[in-house]
C-alpha atoms as a PDB file:
ATOM      1  CA  UNK A   1      19.608  46.691  47.369  1.00  0.00           C
ATOM      2  CA  UNK A   2      22.190  45.042  45.108  1.00  0.00           C
ATOM      3  CA  UNK A   3      25.209  47.137  44.014  1.00  0.00           C
ATOM      4  CA  UNK A   4      28.439  46.561  42.042  1.00  0.00           C
ATOM      5  CA  UNK A   5      31.585  48.296  43.261  1.00  0.00           C
ATOM      6  CA  UNK A   6      33.601  50.388  40.772  1.00  0.00           C
ATOM      7  CA  UNK A   7      36.661  50.397  42.993  1.00  0.00           C
ATOM      8  CA  UNK A   8      37.949  48.579  46.043  1.00  0.00           C
ATOM      9  CA  UNK A   9      36.541  50.094  49.214  1.00  0.00           C
ATOM     10  CA  UNK A  10      37.680  49.214  52.722  1.00  0.00           C
ATOM     11  CA  UNK A  11      36.655  50.519  56.076  1.00  0.00           C
ATOM     12  CA  UNK A  12      36.061  49.594  59.688  1.00  0.00           C
ATOM     13  CA  UNK A  13      34.968  45.954  59.519  1.00  0.00           C
ATOM     14  CA  UNK A  14      34.319  45.752  55.766  1.00  0.00           C
ATOM     15  CA  UNK A  15      36.169  45.409  52.470  1.00  0.00           C
ATOM     16  CA  UNK A  16      34.556  45.283  49.025  1.00  0.00           C
ATOM     17  CA  UNK A  17      36.716  44.582  45.993  1.00  0.00           C
ATOM     18  CA  UNK A  18      36.297  46.226  42.598  1.00  0.00           C
ATOM     19  CA  UNK A  19      33.648  44.403  40.552  1.00  0.00           C
ATOM     20  CA  UNK A  20      32.017  42.729  43.546  1.00  0.00           C
ATOM     21  CA  UNK A  21      28.228  42.479  43.515  1.00  0.00           C
ATOM     22  CA  UNK A  22      26.842  42.808  47.024  1.00  0.00           C
ATOM     23  CA  UNK A  23      23.349  42.896  48.531  1.00  0.00           C
ATOM     24  CA  UNK A  24      23.256  45.745  51.096  1.00  0.00           C
ATOM     25  CA  UNK A  25      20.614  47.381  53.260  1.00  0.00           C
ATOM     26  CA  UNK A  26      19.073  50.273  51.352  1.00  0.00           C
ATOM     27  CA  UNK A  27      20.444  53.021  53.600  1.00  0.00           C
ATOM     28  CA  UNK A  28      23.977  51.591  53.500  1.00  0.00           C
ATOM     29  CA  UNK A  29      23.842  51.117  49.728  1.00  0.00           C
ATOM     30  CA  UNK A  30      22.746  54.752  49.270  1.00  0.00           C
ATOM     31  CA  UNK A  31      25.807  55.945  51.186  1.00  0.00           C
ATOM     32  CA  UNK A  32      28.133  54.130  48.775  1.00  0.00           C
ATOM     33  CA  UNK A  33      26.115  55.258  45.745  1.00  0.00           C
ATOM     34  CA  UNK A  34      26.205  58.906  46.813  1.00  0.00           C
ATOM     35  CA  UNK A  35      29.947  58.610  47.354  1.00  0.00           C
ATOM     36  CA  UNK A  36      30.394  57.275  43.817  1.00  0.00           C
ATOM     37  CA  UNK A  37      31.905  53.973  44.969  1.00  0.00           C
ATOM     38  CA  UNK A  38      29.354  51.738  43.234  1.00  0.00           C
ATOM     39  CA  UNK A  39      26.434  51.460  40.862  1.00  0.00           C
ATOM     40  CA  UNK A  40      23.033  49.933  41.495  1.00  0.00           C
ATOM     41  CA  UNK A  41      22.390  46.587  39.827  1.00  0.00           C
ATOM     42  CA  UNK A  42      19.131  46.539  37.929  1.00  0.00           C
ATOM     43  CA  UNK A  43      17.150  43.442  38.891  1.00  0.00           C
ATOM     44  CA  UNK A  44      15.272  41.612  36.130  1.00  0.00           C
ATOM     45  CA  UNK A  45      11.477  41.978  36.322  1.00  0.00           C
ATOM     46  CA  UNK A  46       9.826  39.227  38.289  1.00  0.00           C
ATOM     47  CA  UNK A  47       7.952  36.710  36.195  1.00  0.00           C
ATOM     48  CA  UNK A  48       4.332  36.332  37.015  1.00  0.00           C
ATOM     49  CA  UNK A  49       3.494  32.905  38.290  1.00  0.00           C
ATOM     50  CA  UNK A  50       1.288  31.073  35.889  1.00  0.00           C
ATOM     51  CA  UNK A  51      -2.041  30.115  37.321  1.00  0.00           C
ATOM     52  CA  UNK A  52      -2.587  26.428  37.046  1.00  0.00           C
ATOM     53  CA  UNK A  53      -6.168  25.347  36.736  1.00  0.00           C
ATOM     54  CA  UNK A  54      -6.435  21.783  37.904  1.00  0.00           C
ATOM     55  CA  UNK A  55      -8.750  19.728  35.783  1.00  0.00           C
ATOM     56  CA  UNK A  56     -10.928  17.172  37.498  1.00  0.00           C
ATOM     57  CA  UNK A  57      -9.491  13.726  37.177  1.00  0.00           C
ATOM     58  CA  UNK A  58     -11.546  11.443  35.062  1.00  0.00           C
ATOM     59  CA  UNK A  59     -12.447   8.224  36.792  1.00  0.00           C
ATOM     60  CA  UNK A  60     -14.595   6.611  34.201  1.00  0.00           C
ATOM     61  CA  UNK A  61     -18.016   6.181  35.747  1.00  0.00           C
ATOM     62  CA  UNK A  62     -17.749   9.155  38.129  1.00  0.00           C
ATOM     63  CA  UNK A  63     -20.302  11.374  36.384  1.00  0.00           C
ATOM     64  CA  UNK A  64     -23.686  10.038  37.384  1.00  0.00           C
ATOM     65  CA  UNK A  65     -27.367  10.835  37.651  1.00  0.00           C
ATOM     66  CA  UNK A  66     -30.423   8.786  38.472  1.00  0.00           C
ATOM     67  CA  UNK A  67     -34.098   8.573  37.603  1.00  0.00           C
ATOM     68  CA  UNK A  68     -36.938   6.914  39.479  1.00  0.00           C
ATOM     69  CA  UNK A  69     -38.408   3.814  37.824  1.00  0.00           C
ATOM     70  CA  UNK A  70     -40.816   2.746  40.568  1.00  0.00           C
ATOM     71  CA  UNK A  71     -41.523   5.429  43.190  1.00  0.00           C
ATOM     72  CA  UNK A  72     -42.057   4.806  46.876  1.00  0.00           C
ATOM     73  CA  UNK A  73     -45.553   3.721  47.850  1.00  0.00           C
ATOM     74  CA  UNK A  74     -45.747   6.181  50.747  1.00  0.00           C
ATOM     75  CA  UNK A  75     -43.949   8.967  52.561  1.00  0.00           C
ATOM     76  CA  UNK A  76     -41.707   8.054  55.512  1.00  0.00           C
ATOM     77  CA  UNK A  77     -43.823  10.138  57.910  1.00  0.00           C
ATOM     78  CA  UNK A  78     -47.604   9.988  58.118  1.00  0.00           C
ATOM     79  CA  UNK A  79     -49.845  13.034  58.313  1.00  0.00           C
ATOM     80  CA  UNK A  80     -50.883  11.994  61.814  1.00  0.00           C
ATOM     81  CA  UNK A  81     -47.266  11.772  62.998  1.00  0.00           C
ATOM     82  CA  UNK A  82     -46.492  15.209  61.633  1.00  0.00           C
ATOM     83  CA  UNK A  83     -49.610  16.812  63.122  1.00  0.00           C
ATOM     84  CA  UNK A  84     -48.913  15.273  66.520  1.00  0.00           C
ATOM     85  CA  UNK A  85     -45.376  16.673  66.430  1.00  0.00           C
ATOM     86  CA  UNK A  86     -46.701  20.099  65.403  1.00  0.00           C
ATOM     87  CA  UNK A  87     -49.528  19.904  67.962  1.00  0.00           C
ATOM     88  CA  UNK A  88     -52.087  20.659  65.254  1.00  0.00           C
ATOM     89  CA  UNK A  89     -55.630  19.388  65.871  1.00  0.00           C
ATOM     90  CA  UNK A  90     -57.660  20.768  62.975  1.00  0.00           C
ATOM     91  CA  UNK A  91     -57.613  19.724  59.326  1.00  0.00           C
ATOM     92  CA  UNK A  92     -57.315  23.155  57.690  1.00  0.00           C
ATOM     93  CA  UNK A  93     -53.550  22.743  57.131  1.00  0.00           C
ATOM     94  CA  UNK A  94     -53.571  19.077  56.116  1.00  0.00           C
ATOM     95  CA  UNK A  95     -52.595  19.809  52.501  1.00  0.00           C
ATOM     96  CA  UNK A  96     -49.816  22.142  53.622  1.00  0.00           C
ATOM     97  CA  UNK A  97     -48.451  19.658  56.142  1.00  0.00           C
ATOM     98  CA  UNK A  98     -48.559  16.899  53.524  1.00  0.00           C
ATOM     99  CA  UNK A  99     -46.455  19.060  51.192  1.00  0.00           C
ATOM    100  CA  UNK A 100     -44.003  19.793  54.008  1.00  0.00           C
ATOM    101  CA  UNK A 101     -43.621  16.060  54.663  1.00  0.00           C
ATOM    102  CA  UNK A 102     -42.573  15.558  51.031  1.00  0.00           C
ATOM    103  CA  UNK A 103     -40.233  18.545  51.170  1.00  0.00           C
ATOM    104  CA  UNK A 104     -38.594  17.298  54.386  1.00  0.00           C
ATOM    105  CA  UNK A 105     -38.132  13.830  52.899  1.00  0.00           C
ATOM    106  CA  UNK A 106     -36.488  15.274  49.785  1.00  0.00           C
ATOM    107  CA  UNK A 107     -34.175  17.462  51.899  1.00  0.00           C
ATOM    108  CA  UNK A 108     -33.186  14.450  53.980  1.00  0.00           C
ATOM    109  CA  UNK A 109     -32.544  12.305  50.893  1.00  0.00           C
ATOM    110  CA  UNK A 110     -30.470  15.004  49.196  1.00  0.00           C
ATOM    111  CA  UNK A 111     -28.381  15.632  52.302  1.00  0.00           C
ATOM    112  CA  UNK A 112     -27.762  11.992  53.207  1.00  0.00           C
ATOM    113  CA  UNK A 113     -27.802  10.589  49.633  1.00  0.00           C
ATOM    114  CA  UNK A 114     -30.178   7.919  50.843  1.00  0.00           C
ATOM    115  CA  UNK A 115     -33.559   6.847  49.508  1.00  0.00           C
ATOM    116  CA  UNK A 116     -35.770   6.333  52.526  1.00  0.00           C
ATOM    117  CA  UNK A 117     -38.708   4.204  51.344  1.00  0.00           C
ATOM    118  CA  UNK A 118     -38.295   1.278  48.921  1.00  0.00           C
ATOM    119  CA  UNK A 119     -37.840   2.650  45.394  1.00  0.00           C
ATOM    120  CA  UNK A 120     -36.421   1.324  42.123  1.00  0.00           C
ATOM    121  CA  UNK A 121     -34.046   3.677  40.316  1.00  0.00           C
ATOM    122  CA  UNK A 122     -31.825   3.746  37.238  1.00  0.00           C
ATOM    123  CA  UNK A 123     -28.412   5.245  37.882  1.00  0.00           C
ATOM    124  CA  UNK A 124     -26.470   6.458  34.851  1.00  0.00           C
ATOM    125  CA  UNK A 125     -22.695   6.573  34.449  1.00  0.00           C
ATOM    126  CA  UNK A 126     -20.654   8.038  31.614  1.00  0.00           C
ATOM    127  CA  UNK A 127     -18.541   4.903  31.353  1.00  0.00           C
ATOM    128  CA  UNK A 128     -17.254   1.821  33.093  1.00  0.00           C
ATOM    129  CA  UNK A 129     -14.644   2.376  35.842  1.00  0.00           C
ATOM    130  CA  UNK A 130     -11.126   3.389  34.873  1.00  0.00           C
ATOM    131  CA  UNK A 131      -9.360   3.746  38.201  1.00  0.00           C
ATOM    132  CA  UNK A 132      -5.572   3.618  38.395  1.00  0.00           C
ATOM    133  CA  UNK A 133      -5.798   1.783  41.697  1.00  0.00           C
ATOM    134  CA  UNK A 134      -5.514  -1.888  40.792  1.00  0.00           C
ATOM    135  CA  UNK A 135      -7.655  -2.941  43.740  1.00  0.00           C
ATOM    136  CA  UNK A 136     -10.701  -0.826  42.801  1.00  0.00           C
ATOM    137  CA  UNK A 137     -10.223  -0.367  39.056  1.00  0.00           C
ATOM    138  CA  UNK A 138     -13.205  -2.572  38.145  1.00  0.00           C
ATOM    139  CA  UNK A 139     -15.634  -1.392  40.843  1.00  0.00           C
ATOM    140  CA  UNK A 140     -18.785   0.665  40.234  1.00  0.00           C
ATOM    141  CA  UNK A 141     -19.897   2.619  43.308  1.00  0.00           C
ATOM    142  CA  UNK A 142     -23.627   3.266  43.605  1.00  0.00           C
ATOM    143  CA  UNK A 143     -24.418   6.726  44.928  1.00  0.00           C
ATOM    144  CA  UNK A 144     -27.679   5.980  46.730  1.00  0.00           C
ATOM    145  CA  UNK A 145     -28.448   3.585  49.554  1.00  0.00           C
ATOM    146  CA  UNK A 146     -29.346   1.445  51.334  1.00  0.00           C
ATOM    147  CA  UNK A 147     -29.345  -0.900  48.337  1.00  0.00           C
ATOM    148  CA  UNK A 148     -31.568  -3.963  48.609  1.00  0.00           C
ATOM    149  CA  UNK A 149     -30.704  -5.642  45.309  1.00  0.00           C
ATOM    150  CA  UNK A 150     -29.269  -5.099  41.831  1.00  0.00           C
ATOM    151  CA  UNK A 151     -31.933  -5.580  39.162  1.00  0.00           C
ATOM    152  CA  UNK A 152     -29.777  -5.201  36.057  1.00  0.00           C
ATOM    153  CA  UNK A 153     -26.628  -3.657  34.622  1.00  0.00           C
ATOM    154  CA  UNK A 154     -26.756  -2.390  31.035  1.00  0.00           C
ATOM    155  CA  UNK A 155     -24.441  -0.505  28.694  1.00  0.00           C
ATOM    156  CA  UNK A 156     -24.410   1.001  25.211  1.00  0.00           C
ATOM    157  CA  UNK A 157     -21.931  -0.913  23.057  1.00  0.00           C
ATOM    158  CA  UNK A 158     -19.636   0.398  20.321  1.00  0.00           C
ATOM    159  CA  UNK A 159     -22.346   0.311  17.644  1.00  0.00           C
ATOM    160  CA  UNK A 160     -24.926   2.037  19.835  1.00  0.00           C
ATOM    161  CA  UNK A 161     -26.972  -0.988  20.939  1.00  0.00           C
ATOM    162  CA  UNK A 162     -28.048  -1.413  24.536  1.00  0.00           C
ATOM    163  CA  UNK A 163     -26.712  -4.635  26.023  1.00  0.00           C
ATOM    164  CA  UNK A 164     -27.385  -6.313  29.373  1.00  0.00           C
ATOM    165  CA  UNK A 165     -24.403  -7.567  31.341  1.00  0.00           C
ATOM    166  CA  UNK A 166     -24.980 -11.154  32.457  1.00  0.00           C
ATOM    167  CA  UNK A 167     -25.032 -11.433  36.242  1.00  0.00           C
ATOM    168  CA  UNK A 168     -22.244 -14.030  36.018  1.00  0.00           C
ATOM    169  CA  UNK A 169     -19.881 -11.246  34.887  1.00  0.00           C
ATOM    170  CA  UNK A 170     -20.108  -9.268  38.107  1.00  0.00           C
ATOM    171  CA  UNK A 171     -20.618  -9.548  41.846  1.00  0.00           C
ATOM    172  CA  UNK A 172     -22.483  -7.055  44.013  1.00  0.00           C
ATOM    173  CA  UNK A 173     -21.926  -5.839  47.550  1.00  0.00           C
ATOM    174  CA  UNK A 174     -25.113  -4.407  49.045  1.00  0.00           C
ATOM    175  CA  UNK A 175     -23.807  -4.451  52.611  1.00  0.00           C
ATOM    176  CA  UNK A 176     -21.233  -1.682  52.183  1.00  0.00           C
ATOM    177  CA  UNK A 177     -22.213   1.966  51.834  1.00  0.00           C
ATOM    178  CA  UNK A 178     -21.788   2.968  49.119  1.00  0.00           C
ATOM    179  CA  UNK A 179     -22.856  -0.334  47.581  1.00  0.00           C
ATOM    180  CA  UNK A 180     -20.537  -1.769  44.942  1.00  0.00           C
ATOM    181  CA  UNK A 181     -20.661  -3.722  41.699  1.00  0.00           C
ATOM    182  CA  UNK A 182     -17.371  -5.420  40.791  1.00  0.00           C
ATOM    183  CA  UNK A 183     -16.488  -7.080  37.504  1.00  0.00           C
ATOM    184  CA  UNK A 184     -15.194 -10.622  37.626  1.00  0.00           C
ATOM    185  CA  UNK A 185     -13.353 -10.414  34.299  1.00  0.00           C
ATOM    186  CA  UNK A 186     -13.182  -6.760  33.221  1.00  0.00           C
ATOM    187  CA  UNK A 187     -15.818  -4.518  31.684  1.00  0.00           C
ATOM    188  CA  UNK A 188     -16.939  -4.009  28.107  1.00  0.00           C
ATOM    189  CA  UNK A 189     -16.166  -1.448  25.406  1.00  0.00           C
ATOM    190  CA  UNK A 190     -18.724   1.337  25.042  1.00  0.00           C
ATOM    191  CA  UNK A 191     -19.326   3.848  22.290  1.00  0.00           C
ATOM    192  CA  UNK A 192     -18.104   6.875  24.238  1.00  0.00           C
ATOM    193  CA  UNK A 193     -21.372   8.774  24.713  1.00  0.00           C
ATOM    194  CA  UNK A 194     -22.765  10.105  27.971  1.00  0.00           C
ATOM    195  CA  UNK A 195     -25.014   7.985  30.216  1.00  0.00           C
ATOM    196  CA  UNK A 196     -23.741   4.814  28.575  1.00  0.00           C
ATOM    197  CA  UNK A 197     -23.811   2.537  31.642  1.00  0.00           C
ATOM    198  CA  UNK A 198     -27.116   2.061  33.494  1.00  0.00           C
ATOM    199  CA  UNK A 199     -27.452   0.293  36.831  1.00  0.00           C
ATOM    200  CA  UNK A 200     -31.012  -0.479  37.916  1.00  0.00           C
ATOM    201  CA  UNK A 201     -31.393  -1.299  41.582  1.00  0.00           C
ATOM    202  CA  UNK A 202     -33.878  -1.373  44.439  1.00  0.00           C
ATOM    203  CA  UNK A 203     -33.003   1.044  47.210  1.00  0.00           C
ATOM    204  CA  UNK A 204     -34.593   2.099  50.501  1.00  0.00           C
ATOM    205  CA  UNK A 205     -36.380   0.201  53.244  1.00  0.00           C
ATOM    206  CA  UNK A 206     -39.846  -0.417  54.629  1.00  0.00           C
ATOM    207  CA  UNK A 207     -41.233   2.612  56.464  1.00  0.00           C
ATOM    208  CA  UNK A 208     -41.024   0.907  59.855  1.00  0.00           C
ATOM    209  CA  UNK A 209     -37.310   0.176  59.270  1.00  0.00           C
ATOM    210  CA  UNK A 210     -36.268   3.814  58.720  1.00  0.00           C
ATOM    211  CA  UNK A 211     -33.813   4.809  61.479  1.00  0.00           C
ATOM    212  CA  UNK A 212     -35.429   6.925  64.175  1.00  0.00           C
ATOM    213  CA  UNK A 213     -32.837   9.757  63.932  1.00  0.00           C
ATOM    214  CA  UNK A 214     -33.753  10.294  60.274  1.00  0.00           C
ATOM    215  CA  UNK A 215     -37.463  10.521  61.077  1.00  0.00           C
ATOM    216  CA  UNK A 216     -36.799  12.862  64.009  1.00  0.00           C
ATOM    217  CA  UNK A 217     -34.627  15.090  61.816  1.00  0.00           C
ATOM    218  CA  UNK A 218     -37.412  15.306  59.205  1.00  0.00           C
ATOM    219  CA  UNK A 219     -39.975  16.217  61.869  1.00  0.00           C
ATOM    220  CA  UNK A 220     -37.724  19.096  62.939  1.00  0.00           C
ATOM    221  CA  UNK A 221     -37.556  20.290  59.319  1.00  0.00           C
ATOM    222  CA  UNK A 222     -41.347  20.104  59.012  1.00  0.00           C
ATOM    223  CA  UNK A 223     -41.706  22.134  62.206  1.00  0.00           C
ATOM    224  CA  UNK A 224     -39.223  24.734  60.973  1.00  0.00           C
ATOM    225  CA  UNK A 225     -40.974  25.087  57.601  1.00  0.00           C
ATOM    226  CA  UNK A 226     -44.414  25.195  59.210  1.00  0.00           C
ATOM    227  CA  UNK A 227     -43.513  27.889  61.752  1.00  0.00           C
ATOM    228  CA  UNK A 228     -41.417  30.077  59.440  1.00  0.00           C
ATOM    229  CA  UNK A 229     -43.230  30.589  56.155  1.00  0.00           C
ATOM    230  CA  UNK A 230     -41.450  33.778  55.069  1.00  0.00           C
ATOM    231  CA  UNK A 231     -39.152  33.910  52.054  1.00  0.00           C
ATOM    232  CA  UNK A 232     -35.587  33.800  53.341  1.00  0.00           C
ATOM    233  CA  UNK A 233     -32.313  31.958  52.955  1.00  0.00           C
ATOM    234  CA  UNK A 234     -32.822  28.557  54.522  1.00  0.00           C
ATOM    235  CA  UNK A 235     -30.600  25.825  55.814  1.00  0.00           C
ATOM    236  CA  UNK A 236     -31.245  22.595  57.626  1.00  0.00           C
ATOM    237  CA  UNK A 237     -31.944  22.959  61.327  1.00  0.00           C
ATOM    238  CA  UNK A 238     -28.703  22.277  63.197  1.00  0.00           C
ATOM    239  CA  UNK A 239     -30.286  19.440  65.149  1.00  0.00           C
ATOM    240  CA  UNK A 240     -31.400  17.813  61.877  1.00  0.00           C
ATOM    241  CA  UNK A 241     -27.837  17.927  60.543  1.00  0.00           C
ATOM    242  CA  UNK A 242     -26.539  16.230  63.681  1.00  0.00           C
ATOM    243  CA  UNK A 243     -29.197  13.554  63.372  1.00  0.00           C
ATOM    244  CA  UNK A 244     -28.541  13.016  59.639  1.00  0.00           C
ATOM    245  CA  UNK A 245     -24.729  13.101  59.639  1.00  0.00           C
ATOM    246  CA  UNK A 246     -24.084   9.488  60.760  1.00  0.00           C
ATOM    247  CA  UNK A 247     -26.224   8.249  57.859  1.00  0.00           C
ATOM    248  CA  UNK A 248     -24.640  10.204  55.000  1.00  0.00           C
ATOM    249  CA  UNK A 249     -23.278   8.198  52.085  1.00  0.00           C
ATOM    250  CA  UNK A 250     -20.135   9.423  50.331  1.00  0.00           C
ATOM    251  CA  UNK A 251     -18.695   8.356  46.992  1.00  0.00           C
ATOM    252  CA  UNK A 252     -15.256   9.452  45.803  1.00  0.00           C
END
């Protein structure tokens, strides 16, 4: 407790002069107050700390979505493979197992951000890159992989017309994950609407080139969905997560 002394007070091991403001333990301060030696100092009310809501930093092309142009020709796991794993001999559940194969593939693709079987997609960005980092300021990061090739790069110009960027104006890196498209001389002005930059690319692999851990993880999902058909909160089987984790693609 903070007090201000009205008169000089001295005692065994202490001396407080008139007018001195001193912070004392509460019990000690009460002794002096009751004796009339001092008055309590009113402390100003504490200001409430303002809550700061951090806004997401805009990085130009960061907002993205994609649509399928040419879908995969087949699922990554055949009906026979799934039935062998499930030890199912009859054909009564063929339609169900086929649906579970598709569901497992979609769960794997969402978790890893990969497209498993060769597919052509359009990925949309809200603008060209605007990074502060001078090294990566002109780089577009593609969210899905593994990328085989870049088909085209288009944008909506300032008057609303869709233009194709000549391939001589950029270089592509399909080895890295995530794959990258880098400008050789800076990007172009757009008209400021959403989905104004469109990258079309071929992503995925042949079925026989899909990594074995990904296929094994999907088989475990199929087994889990087949055996447990009740309505409940679901998550990936732990073993599937361990199998998928080394193949996840991250963009920042």
